[in-house]
């Protein structure tokens, strides 16, 4: 009768058959390093039983999961902090610019709008034609500004002198509006940049760290399933061997 060779587990120090565990050289480098770090006397030829190996694997997977979850919590906290910051408030330009207008500012806007319209041009041309026609043909016997229309020139000069600063007042207000608009855009872009930076970091963490970790975990699961399959097959082979008629005769003979 042959004696079955057994191996001593480096973790629990119990004896097991070779089919009930693995040698360190058969494990991946990550598990080898982890086992060697916890057992300084472990070598590549050392044996570890399946039960202790599964405990180490589960501990390793839990460490990976906890580490990834901690990074996710930190990033989510940072993102929520950026989203909840009230360092500025986007102001409504209509409320800011139009909500506090004085009568003079409203008048300047109205003059600027009318002065830059076709209605003003057509009206002004009609007035000029009527003015010159009255003073040239003496319509209705009226001749208050004979050629070369000195009074008309004075009238036009006065209109230009008054209209120009009024339009400049309106343009200054438009410049203020543009400044508020640019400030709002800057603050919005600054906040968006910070939020996008955190989201980009989360995506990098997912692609560069978590996905490889998931692949490692899946690889461990495949290894565990393969080992269980081998163990089940070994048990079946052992059961067949024990049910073999020759083995039964040998046992009876020994009895």
Foldseek 3Di string as FASTA:
>chain_A
DDDQDWAQAPPPRDTGGPLQWDFQLPDDPVLSVVVCVVPVPHDRRHIHGPVVSVVSLVVVLVVLVVVLVVVVVVLVVQLVCLVPDPPDDQDDLCCVLVVDDDPLLVVLVVLLVLVPDPVVVVVVVVVVVVVQVCQPVVVVVDHPAHPVRPVVVVVVVVCCVVNVVSPVSNVVSVVVSVVSVVVSVVVVVVSVVSSVVSVVVVVCCCVVRVVVSVVVSVVVVVVSVVSVVSSVVVVVVVVVVCVDPVNVVVVVVVD
